[in-house]
Amino acid sequence: MTKHDLRGLTRRQLLSRGLSVGALAVVGSGFIAAPDAAWAVEVTVITPEQMATLLQMARDIYPHDQVADRFYAVAVKGYDSEEMKAMVAEGVAALDAAAKAAGFDSYVAAGWEEDRVKLLQGIEMTPFFQTVRSGLVTGLYNQKEVWPIFGYQGESFSQGGYIERGFNDIDWL
């Protein structure tokens, strides 16, 4: 079985290799919407295709199956600015060029996570990749709605610190 052959895969294997952002739709001028229309992100400076690439990059750099695409959209929305426009355009163009050299129409069109990760590894030392990667650390993980997904209760200083608030709750040791 080749990696692009879907026969013989379990549902779990298929879903783990699936393309989450590839299912996004570019709607009208400057919008990207989820297939269930539960959320959408408007872009004003960069193109919807560039935003779709940033969303897929975010998922591939920090992959969390349990985190919805809308949280990744919030994390990369800051790149839709005049200050970031040139860097995003050049970075996405370079990433798409690398994808074309590898036989794909674009980075987002590379349907297998393994292929996209290889493409990202090829640009990981560029300022574009480093900016996106480092911005995701705060852009994604500082969203209070994401914290419960990871079991993080939030800051504890205002509530007396962690010593009296779950520090010694570990029961598996």
N, C-alpha and C. Protein backbone atom coordinates (compact mmCIF):
# COMPACT_ATOMS: atom_id res chain seq x y z
N MET A 1 0.85 -1.18 0.00
CA MET A 1 0.00 0.00 0.00
C MET A 1 0.89 1.24 0.00
N THR A 2 0.64 2.15 -0.93
CA THR A 2 1.38 3.40 -0.96
C THR A 2 0.78 4.35 0.06
N LYS A 3 1.53 5.37 0.42
CA LYS A 3 1.02 6.27 1.45
C LYS A 3 -0.16 7.09 0.96
N HIS A 4 -0.36 7.15 -0.35
CA HIS A 4 -1.50 7.89 -0.88
C HIS A 4 -2.68 6.98 -1.18
N ASP A 5 -2.56 5.69 -0.91
CA ASP A 5 -3.62 4.73 -1.13
C ASP A 5 -4.41 4.61 0.17
N LEU A 6 -5.71 4.87 0.13
CA LEU A 6 -6.52 4.90 1.34
C LEU A 6 -7.09 3.54 1.71
N ARG A 7 -6.99 2.55 0.83
CA ARG A 7 -7.53 1.23 1.15
C ARG A 7 -6.73 0.61 2.29
N GLY A 8 -7.41 -0.07 3.15
CA GLY A 8 -6.74 -0.77 4.24
C GLY A 8 -6.48 0.08 5.47
N LEU A 9 -6.86 1.36 5.43
CA LEU A 9 -6.67 2.22 6.60
C LEU A 9 -7.87 2.10 7.53
N THR A 10 -7.60 2.13 8.80
CA THR A 10 -8.70 2.21 9.76
C THR A 10 -9.21 3.65 9.77
N ARG A 11 -10.37 3.86 10.34
CA ARG A 11 -10.92 5.21 10.45
C ARG A 11 -9.97 6.11 11.21
N ARG A 12 -9.41 5.60 12.30
CA ARG A 12 -8.48 6.39 13.11
C ARG A 12 -7.24 6.79 12.29
N GLN A 13 -6.70 5.86 11.51
CA GLN A 13 -5.54 6.16 10.67
C GLN A 13 -5.89 7.20 9.63
N LEU A 14 -7.04 7.05 9.02
CA LEU A 14 -7.47 8.01 8.01
C LEU A 14 -7.61 9.40 8.61
N LEU A 15 -8.27 9.49 9.76
CA LEU A 15 -8.46 10.80 10.39
C LEU A 15 -7.14 11.40 10.84
N SER A 16 -6.20 10.57 11.29
CA SER A 16 -4.92 11.10 11.76
C SER A 16 -4.09 11.65 10.62
N ARG A 17 -4.36 11.18 9.42
CA ARG A 17 -3.61 11.64 8.25
C ARG A 17 -4.38 12.67 7.45
N GLY A 18 -5.57 12.98 7.90
CA GLY A 18 -6.44 13.87 7.15
C GLY A 18 -5.95 15.30 7.15
N LEU A 19 -6.49 16.06 6.24
CA LEU A 19 -6.13 17.46 6.07
C LEU A 19 -7.23 18.32 6.65
N SER A 20 -6.99 18.88 7.81
CA SER A 20 -8.05 19.65 8.46
C SER A 20 -8.33 20.96 7.74
N VAL A 21 -7.32 21.71 7.34
CA VAL A 21 -7.54 23.00 6.73
C VAL A 21 -7.91 22.85 5.27
N GLY A 22 -7.54 21.74 4.64
CA GLY A 22 -7.89 21.53 3.25
C GLY A 22 -9.38 21.53 3.04
N ALA A 23 -10.13 21.29 4.08
CA ALA A 23 -11.58 21.28 3.99
C ALA A 23 -12.17 22.68 4.14
N LEU A 24 -11.36 23.65 4.45
CA LEU A 24 -11.85 25.02 4.58
C LEU A 24 -12.23 25.55 3.22
N ALA A 25 -13.19 26.42 3.21
CA ALA A 25 -13.64 27.01 1.96
C ALA A 25 -13.31 28.49 1.95
N VAL A 26 -12.78 28.95 0.83
CA VAL A 26 -12.58 30.38 0.63
C VAL A 26 -13.94 30.89 0.17
N VAL A 27 -14.54 31.75 0.99
CA VAL A 27 -15.89 32.21 0.74
C VAL A 27 -15.85 33.67 0.36
N GLY A 28 -16.25 33.97 -0.85
CA GLY A 28 -16.30 35.35 -1.27
C GLY A 28 -14.94 36.01 -1.23
N SER A 29 -14.95 37.27 -0.99
CA SER A 29 -13.71 38.04 -0.97
C SER A 29 -13.24 38.21 0.46
N GLY A 30 -12.17 37.52 0.80
CA GLY A 30 -11.53 37.74 2.08
C GLY A 30 -12.06 36.95 3.25
N PHE A 31 -12.75 35.86 3.02
CA PHE A 31 -13.24 35.03 4.12
C PHE A 31 -12.81 33.59 3.93
N ILE A 32 -12.53 32.94 5.05
CA ILE A 32 -12.31 31.51 5.07
C ILE A 32 -13.32 30.97 6.07
N ALA A 33 -14.07 29.94 5.67
CA ALA A 33 -15.09 29.38 6.56
C ALA A 33 -14.87 27.90 6.75
N ALA A 34 -15.24 27.43 7.91
CA ALA A 34 -15.20 25.99 8.20
C ALA A 34 -16.35 25.32 7.46
N PRO A 35 -16.21 24.05 7.13
CA PRO A 35 -17.27 23.38 6.38
C PRO A 35 -18.60 23.34 7.11
N ASP A 36 -18.57 23.35 8.43
CA ASP A 36 -19.82 23.34 9.18
C ASP A 36 -20.33 24.76 9.45
N ALA A 37 -19.62 25.77 8.94
CA ALA A 37 -19.98 27.17 9.09
C ALA A 37 -20.08 27.60 10.55
N ALA A 38 -19.41 26.89 11.43
CA ALA A 38 -19.42 27.24 12.85
C ALA A 38 -18.50 28.43 13.12
N TRP A 39 -17.58 28.68 12.26
CA TRP A 39 -16.69 29.82 12.42
C TRP A 39 -16.16 30.25 11.06
N ALA A 40 -15.69 31.45 11.00
CA ALA A 40 -15.06 31.98 9.79
C ALA A 40 -14.04 33.01 10.23
N VAL A 41 -13.07 33.25 9.39
CA VAL A 41 -12.08 34.28 9.68
C VAL A 41 -12.01 35.21 8.47
N GLU A 42 -12.05 36.50 8.75
CA GLU A 42 -11.98 37.49 7.69
C GLU A 42 -10.53 37.95 7.56
N VAL A 43 -10.07 38.06 6.33
CA VAL A 43 -8.74 38.60 6.10
C VAL A 43 -8.89 39.90 5.31
N THR A 44 -8.07 40.88 5.66
CA THR A 44 -8.17 42.17 5.00
C THR A 44 -6.91 42.56 4.25
N VAL A 45 -5.76 42.02 4.65
CA VAL A 45 -4.49 42.40 4.04
C VAL A 45 -3.89 41.24 3.25
N ILE A 46 -3.79 40.08 3.87
CA ILE A 46 -3.26 38.92 3.15
C ILE A 46 -4.41 38.22 2.42
N THR A 47 -4.08 37.29 1.55
CA THR A 47 -5.11 36.61 0.78
C THR A 47 -5.72 35.46 1.60
N PRO A 48 -6.93 35.05 1.27
CA PRO A 48 -7.51 33.89 1.96
C PRO A 48 -6.65 32.63 1.81
N GLU A 49 -6.01 32.47 0.66
CA GLU A 49 -5.14 31.31 0.46
C GLU A 49 -3.92 31.36 1.37
N GLN A 50 -3.38 32.56 1.59
CA GLN A 50 -2.26 32.69 2.52
C GLN A 50 -2.71 32.39 3.95
N MET A 51 -3.91 32.82 4.31
CA MET A 51 -4.44 32.52 5.64
C MET A 51 -4.65 31.01 5.80
N ALA A 52 -5.16 30.35 4.75
CA ALA A 52 -5.34 28.90 4.82
C ALA A 52 -4.00 28.20 5.01
N THR A 53 -2.95 28.71 4.37
CA THR A 53 -1.61 28.14 4.54
C THR A 53 -1.14 28.35 5.97
N LEU A 54 -1.35 29.53 6.53
CA LEU A 54 -0.95 29.80 7.91
C LEU A 54 -1.70 28.89 8.88
N LEU A 55 -2.98 28.67 8.63
CA LEU A 55 -3.76 27.77 9.49
C LEU A 55 -3.22 26.35 9.43
N GLN A 56 -2.90 25.88 8.23
CA GLN A 56 -2.37 24.53 8.12
C GLN A 56 -0.98 24.43 8.75
N MET A 57 -0.17 25.46 8.56
CA MET A 57 1.14 25.49 9.23
C MET A 57 0.98 25.40 10.73
N ALA A 58 0.05 26.17 11.27
CA ALA A 58 -0.17 26.18 12.72
C ALA A 58 -0.53 24.78 13.21
N ARG A 59 -1.41 24.11 12.48
CA ARG A 59 -1.80 22.74 12.85
C ARG A 59 -0.64 21.77 12.75
N ASP A 60 0.23 21.98 11.77
CA ASP A 60 1.35 21.06 11.58
C ASP A 60 2.50 21.34 12.55
N ILE A 61 2.66 22.58 12.96
CA ILE A 61 3.74 22.93 13.90
C ILE A 61 3.35 22.50 15.31
N TYR A 62 2.12 22.79 15.71
CA TYR A 62 1.62 22.41 17.02
C TYR A 62 0.34 21.58 16.84
N PRO A 63 0.49 20.31 16.51
CA PRO A 63 -0.70 19.49 16.22
C PRO A 63 -1.41 19.01 17.49
N HIS A 64 -2.65 19.37 17.59
CA HIS A 64 -3.50 18.91 18.69
C HIS A 64 -4.85 18.56 18.09
N ASP A 65 -5.13 17.29 17.96
CA ASP A 65 -6.39 16.87 17.36
C ASP A 65 -7.60 17.39 18.12
N GLN A 66 -7.47 17.57 19.43
CA GLN A 66 -8.60 17.98 20.24
C GLN A 66 -8.83 19.49 20.21
N VAL A 67 -7.95 20.25 19.59
CA VAL A 67 -8.10 21.70 19.51
C VAL A 67 -8.74 22.05 18.16
N ALA A 68 -9.84 22.77 18.20
CA ALA A 68 -10.58 23.13 17.00
C ALA A 68 -9.82 24.13 16.14
N ASP A 69 -10.10 24.12 14.85
CA ASP A 69 -9.46 25.03 13.91
C ASP A 69 -9.67 26.50 14.28
N ARG A 70 -10.79 26.81 14.89
CA ARG A 70 -11.07 28.22 15.21
C ARG A 70 -10.03 28.81 16.16
N PHE A 71 -9.46 27.97 17.04
CA PHE A 71 -8.42 28.47 17.94
C PHE A 71 -7.13 28.74 17.18
N TYR A 72 -6.83 27.92 16.20
CA TYR A 72 -5.67 28.16 15.36
C TYR A 72 -5.88 29.43 14.52
N ALA A 73 -7.12 29.65 14.07
CA ALA A 73 -7.42 30.86 13.30
C ALA A 73 -7.17 32.11 14.13
N VAL A 74 -7.58 32.08 15.39
CA VAL A 74 -7.32 33.21 16.29
C VAL A 74 -5.81 33.42 16.45
N ALA A 75 -5.07 32.32 16.55
CA ALA A 75 -3.63 32.40 16.77
C ALA A 75 -2.88 33.01 15.60
N VAL A 76 -3.36 32.81 14.38
CA VAL A 76 -2.64 33.33 13.21
C VAL A 76 -3.28 34.59 12.63
N LYS A 77 -4.40 35.03 13.18
CA LYS A 77 -5.08 36.22 12.67
C LYS A 77 -4.18 37.45 12.71
N GLY A 78 -3.26 37.52 13.65
CA GLY A 78 -2.36 38.67 13.77
C GLY A 78 -1.43 38.86 12.57
N TYR A 79 -1.28 37.83 11.75
CA TYR A 79 -0.42 37.95 10.56
C TYR A 79 -1.14 38.65 9.42
N ASP A 80 -2.40 38.94 9.58
CA ASP A 80 -3.18 39.69 8.59
C ASP A 80 -3.03 41.18 8.87
N SER A 81 -1.81 41.68 8.64
CA SER A 81 -1.52 43.09 8.91
C SER A 81 -0.55 43.61 7.86
N GLU A 82 -0.52 44.91 7.71
CA GLU A 82 0.41 45.53 6.75
C GLU A 82 1.86 45.22 7.10
N GLU A 83 2.17 45.18 8.41
CA GLU A 83 3.54 44.92 8.85
C GLU A 83 4.00 43.51 8.46
N MET A 84 3.08 42.57 8.42
CA MET A 84 3.42 41.17 8.15
C MET A 84 3.16 40.75 6.70
N LYS A 85 2.51 41.61 5.93
CA LYS A 85 2.07 41.25 4.59
C LYS A 85 3.20 40.72 3.71
N ALA A 86 4.30 41.42 3.63
CA ALA A 86 5.40 41.01 2.75
C ALA A 86 6.03 39.70 3.23
N MET A 87 6.26 39.59 4.52
CA MET A 87 6.86 38.37 5.04
C MET A 87 5.96 37.16 4.80
N VAL A 88 4.66 37.32 5.03
CA VAL A 88 3.72 36.22 4.81
C VAL A 88 3.69 35.84 3.33
N ALA A 89 3.61 36.83 2.46
CA ALA A 89 3.56 36.56 1.02
C ALA A 89 4.81 35.82 0.56
N GLU A 90 5.98 36.29 0.98
CA GLU A 90 7.23 35.63 0.59
C GLU A 90 7.35 34.24 1.20
N GLY A 91 6.99 34.11 2.46
CA GLY A 91 7.10 32.82 3.14
C GLY A 91 6.16 31.78 2.56
N VAL A 92 4.92 32.18 2.30
CA VAL A 92 3.95 31.24 1.71
C VAL A 92 4.38 30.88 0.29
N ALA A 93 4.87 31.87 -0.46
CA ALA A 93 5.35 31.58 -1.83
C ALA A 93 6.50 30.58 -1.81
N ALA A 94 7.43 30.75 -0.87
CA ALA A 94 8.57 29.82 -0.77
C ALA A 94 8.09 28.43 -0.36
N LEU A 95 7.15 28.37 0.54
CA LEU A 95 6.61 27.09 0.99
C LEU A 95 5.85 26.39 -0.15
N ASP A 96 5.07 27.16 -0.90
CA ASP A 96 4.36 26.59 -2.04
C ASP A 96 5.32 26.15 -3.14
N ALA A 97 6.41 26.90 -3.34
CA ALA A 97 7.41 26.51 -4.34
C ALA A 97 8.07 25.20 -3.94
N ALA A 98 8.36 25.05 -2.66
CA ALA A 98 8.94 23.79 -2.18
C ALA A 98 7.95 22.64 -2.36
N ALA A 99 6.68 22.93 -2.14
CA ALA A 99 5.64 21.90 -2.32
C ALA A 99 5.55 21.50 -3.79
N LYS A 100 5.61 22.47 -4.69
CA LYS A 100 5.55 22.16 -6.12
C LYS A 100 6.76 21.33 -6.55
N ALA A 101 7.92 21.65 -5.99
CA ALA A 101 9.13 20.87 -6.30
C ALA A 101 9.00 19.44 -5.79
N ALA A 102 8.18 19.24 -4.77
CA ALA A 102 7.97 17.90 -4.22
C ALA A 102 6.79 17.18 -4.89
N GLY A 103 6.15 17.86 -5.86
CA GLY A 103 5.08 17.21 -6.60
C GLY A 103 3.67 17.55 -6.17
N PHE A 104 3.51 18.57 -5.34
CA PHE A 104 2.18 18.98 -4.88
C PHE A 104 1.82 20.32 -5.51
N ASP A 105 0.53 20.60 -5.60
CA ASP A 105 0.08 21.88 -6.16
C ASP A 105 0.44 23.05 -5.24
N SER A 106 0.40 22.81 -3.93
CA SER A 106 0.72 23.82 -2.93
C SER A 106 0.97 23.11 -1.61
N TYR A 107 1.39 23.86 -0.61
CA TYR A 107 1.61 23.29 0.72
C TYR A 107 0.31 22.70 1.27
N VAL A 108 -0.77 23.45 1.16
CA VAL A 108 -2.06 22.99 1.69
C VAL A 108 -2.55 21.76 0.92
N ALA A 109 -2.19 21.64 -0.35
CA ALA A 109 -2.64 20.51 -1.16
C ALA A 109 -1.89 19.22 -0.83
N ALA A 110 -0.80 19.32 -0.10
CA ALA A 110 -0.09 18.11 0.35
C ALA A 110 -0.94 17.49 1.44
N GLY A 111 -1.69 16.48 1.10
CA GLY A 111 -2.71 15.94 1.98
C GLY A 111 -2.21 15.13 3.15
N TRP A 112 -0.96 14.79 3.19
CA TRP A 112 -0.43 13.96 4.26
C TRP A 112 0.42 14.80 5.19
N GLU A 113 0.16 14.70 6.47
CA GLU A 113 0.91 15.48 7.45
C GLU A 113 2.41 15.23 7.33
N GLU A 114 2.79 14.01 7.10
CA GLU A 114 4.21 13.66 6.96
C GLU A 114 4.87 14.47 5.83
N ASP A 115 4.18 14.63 4.72
CA ASP A 115 4.72 15.42 3.60
C ASP A 115 4.82 16.89 3.97
N ARG A 116 3.80 17.42 4.65
CA ARG A 116 3.82 18.83 5.02
C ARG A 116 4.92 19.11 6.04
N VAL A 117 5.14 18.19 6.96
CA VAL A 117 6.19 18.37 7.97
C VAL A 117 7.56 18.41 7.29
N LYS A 118 7.77 17.58 6.30
CA LYS A 118 9.04 17.62 5.56
C LYS A 118 9.23 18.96 4.87
N LEU A 119 8.16 19.50 4.32
CA LEU A 119 8.23 20.82 3.69
C LEU A 119 8.56 21.89 4.73
N LEU A 120 7.95 21.80 5.90
CA LEU A 120 8.24 22.77 6.96
C LEU A 120 9.68 22.65 7.45
N GLN A 121 10.18 21.43 7.53
CA GLN A 121 11.58 21.24 7.95
C GLN A 121 12.54 21.91 6.98
N GLY A 122 12.14 21.99 5.73
CA GLY A 122 12.98 22.66 4.73
C GLY A 122 13.07 24.16 4.91
N ILE A 123 12.10 24.76 5.60
CA ILE A 123 12.12 26.21 5.80
C ILE A 123 12.25 26.60 7.27
N GLU A 124 12.52 25.63 8.14
CA GLU A 124 12.47 25.91 9.57
C GLU A 124 13.49 26.94 10.06
N MET A 125 14.52 27.21 9.31
CA MET A 125 15.51 28.19 9.75
C MET A 125 15.22 29.59 9.19
N THR A 126 14.16 29.74 8.41
CA THR A 126 13.83 31.04 7.83
C THR A 126 13.16 31.94 8.86
N PRO A 127 13.29 33.25 8.70
CA PRO A 127 12.60 34.17 9.61
C PRO A 127 11.07 33.98 9.58
N PHE A 128 10.52 33.65 8.43
CA PHE A 128 9.08 33.42 8.31
C PHE A 128 8.65 32.28 9.22
N PHE A 129 9.28 31.14 9.13
CA PHE A 129 8.91 29.99 9.94
C PHE A 129 9.10 30.30 11.42
N GLN A 130 10.24 30.88 11.77
CA GLN A 130 10.53 31.17 13.18
C GLN A 130 9.53 32.17 13.76
N THR A 131 9.12 33.14 12.96
CA THR A 131 8.13 34.12 13.43
C THR A 131 6.79 33.46 13.67
N VAL A 132 6.35 32.63 12.73
CA VAL A 132 5.07 31.95 12.88
C VAL A 132 5.12 30.98 14.06
N ARG A 133 6.18 30.19 14.15
CA ARG A 133 6.30 29.21 15.23
C ARG A 133 6.31 29.88 16.59
N SER A 134 7.11 30.91 16.74
CA SER A 134 7.19 31.57 18.05
C SER A 134 5.90 32.32 18.38
N GLY A 135 5.24 32.89 17.39
CA GLY A 135 3.98 33.57 17.63
C GLY A 135 2.87 32.63 18.05
N LEU A 136 2.96 31.39 17.59
CA LEU A 136 1.94 30.41 17.95
C LEU A 136 1.99 30.03 19.43
N VAL A 137 3.17 30.11 20.01
CA VAL A 137 3.31 29.72 21.42
C VAL A 137 2.35 30.55 22.27
N THR A 138 2.35 31.84 22.06
CA THR A 138 1.44 32.68 22.84
C THR A 138 0.08 32.79 22.17
N GLY A 139 0.05 32.87 20.84
CA GLY A 139 -1.21 33.03 20.13
C GLY A 139 -2.18 31.88 20.35
N LEU A 140 -1.66 30.68 20.45
CA LEU A 140 -2.51 29.52 20.64
C LEU A 140 -2.72 29.21 22.12
N TYR A 141 -1.64 29.14 22.86
CA TYR A 141 -1.73 28.65 24.24
C TYR A 141 -2.16 29.70 25.25
N ASN A 142 -2.23 30.97 24.87
CA ASN A 142 -2.73 32.00 25.79
C ASN A 142 -4.24 32.22 25.67
N GLN A 143 -4.92 31.42 24.87
CA GLN A 143 -6.37 31.54 24.76
C GLN A 143 -7.02 30.77 25.91
N LYS A 144 -7.72 31.48 26.75
CA LYS A 144 -8.31 30.86 27.94
C LYS A 144 -9.27 29.72 27.59
N GLU A 145 -9.90 29.78 26.42
CA GLU A 145 -10.83 28.72 26.02
C GLU A 145 -10.10 27.42 25.72
N VAL A 146 -8.80 27.48 25.45
CA VAL A 146 -8.01 26.30 25.13
C VAL A 146 -7.50 25.62 26.40
N TRP A 147 -7.34 26.36 27.46
CA TRP A 147 -6.74 25.83 28.68
C TRP A 147 -7.41 24.57 29.21
N PRO A 148 -8.74 24.52 29.29
CA PRO A 148 -9.36 23.29 29.81
C PRO A 148 -9.06 22.04 28.97
N ILE A 149 -8.83 22.23 27.69
CA ILE A 149 -8.52 21.10 26.80
C ILE A 149 -7.24 20.42 27.27
N PHE A 150 -6.31 21.22 27.77
CA PHE A 150 -5.03 20.69 28.23
C PHE A 150 -4.99 20.45 29.73
N GLY A 151 -6.07 20.74 30.42
CA GLY A 151 -6.11 20.53 31.86
C GLY A 151 -5.45 21.63 32.66
N TYR A 152 -5.17 22.77 32.03
CA TYR A 152 -4.55 23.89 32.72
C TYR A 152 -5.63 24.73 33.39
N GLN A 153 -5.48 25.01 34.67
CA GLN A 153 -6.49 25.75 35.42
C GLN A 153 -6.29 27.25 35.37
N GLY A 154 -5.24 27.70 34.76
CA GLY A 154 -4.96 29.13 34.70
C GLY A 154 -3.98 29.54 35.78
N GLU A 155 -3.72 30.83 35.82
CA GLU A 155 -2.77 31.33 36.81
C GLU A 155 -3.31 31.11 38.21
N SER A 156 -2.43 30.99 39.16
CA SER A 156 -2.85 30.66 40.51
C SER A 156 -2.48 31.73 41.53
N PHE A 157 -1.68 32.70 41.13
CA PHE A 157 -1.22 33.72 42.06
C PHE A 157 -2.38 34.42 42.75
N SER A 158 -3.39 34.83 41.97
CA SER A 158 -4.51 35.57 42.55
C SER A 158 -5.35 34.72 43.49
N GLN A 159 -5.13 33.40 43.49
CA GLN A 159 -5.90 32.51 44.34
C GLN A 159 -5.03 31.85 45.41
N GLY A 160 -3.88 32.44 45.67
CA GLY A 160 -3.03 31.96 46.75
C GLY A 160 -1.90 31.04 46.33
N GLY A 161 -1.74 30.81 45.05
CA GLY A 161 -0.65 29.97 44.57
C GLY A 161 -1.05 28.52 44.41
N TYR A 162 -0.11 27.72 43.91
CA TYR A 162 -0.40 26.31 43.62
C TYR A 162 -0.27 25.40 44.84
N ILE A 163 0.44 25.81 45.87
CA ILE A 163 0.66 24.94 47.03
C ILE A 163 -0.67 24.50 47.63
N GLU A 164 -1.61 25.42 47.79
CA GLU A 164 -2.89 25.10 48.38
C GLU A 164 -3.97 24.83 47.32
N ARG A 165 -3.58 24.75 46.08
CA ARG A 165 -4.57 24.64 45.02
C ARG A 165 -4.21 23.56 44.01
N GLY A 166 -4.06 22.36 44.45
CA GLY A 166 -3.87 21.26 43.53
C GLY A 166 -2.44 20.81 43.32
N PHE A 167 -1.48 21.46 43.98
CA PHE A 167 -0.08 21.10 43.80
C PHE A 167 0.17 19.64 44.15
N ASN A 168 -0.46 19.16 45.22
CA ASN A 168 -0.21 17.82 45.70
C ASN A 168 -1.38 16.86 45.40
N ASP A 169 -2.14 17.15 44.36
CA ASP A 169 -3.31 16.33 44.02
C ASP A 169 -2.94 15.09 43.20
N ILE A 170 -1.70 14.93 42.87
CA ILE A 170 -1.29 13.81 42.01
C ILE A 170 -1.57 12.49 42.73
N ASP A 171 -2.29 11.62 42.07
CA ASP A 171 -2.66 10.37 42.72
C ASP A 171 -2.09 9.13 42.02
N TRP A 172 -1.30 9.33 41.02
CA TRP A 172 -0.77 8.19 40.27
C TRP A 172 0.66 7.83 40.66
N LEU A 173 1.22 8.49 41.62
CA LEU A 173 2.59 8.16 42.08
C LEU A 173 2.59 7.19 43.22
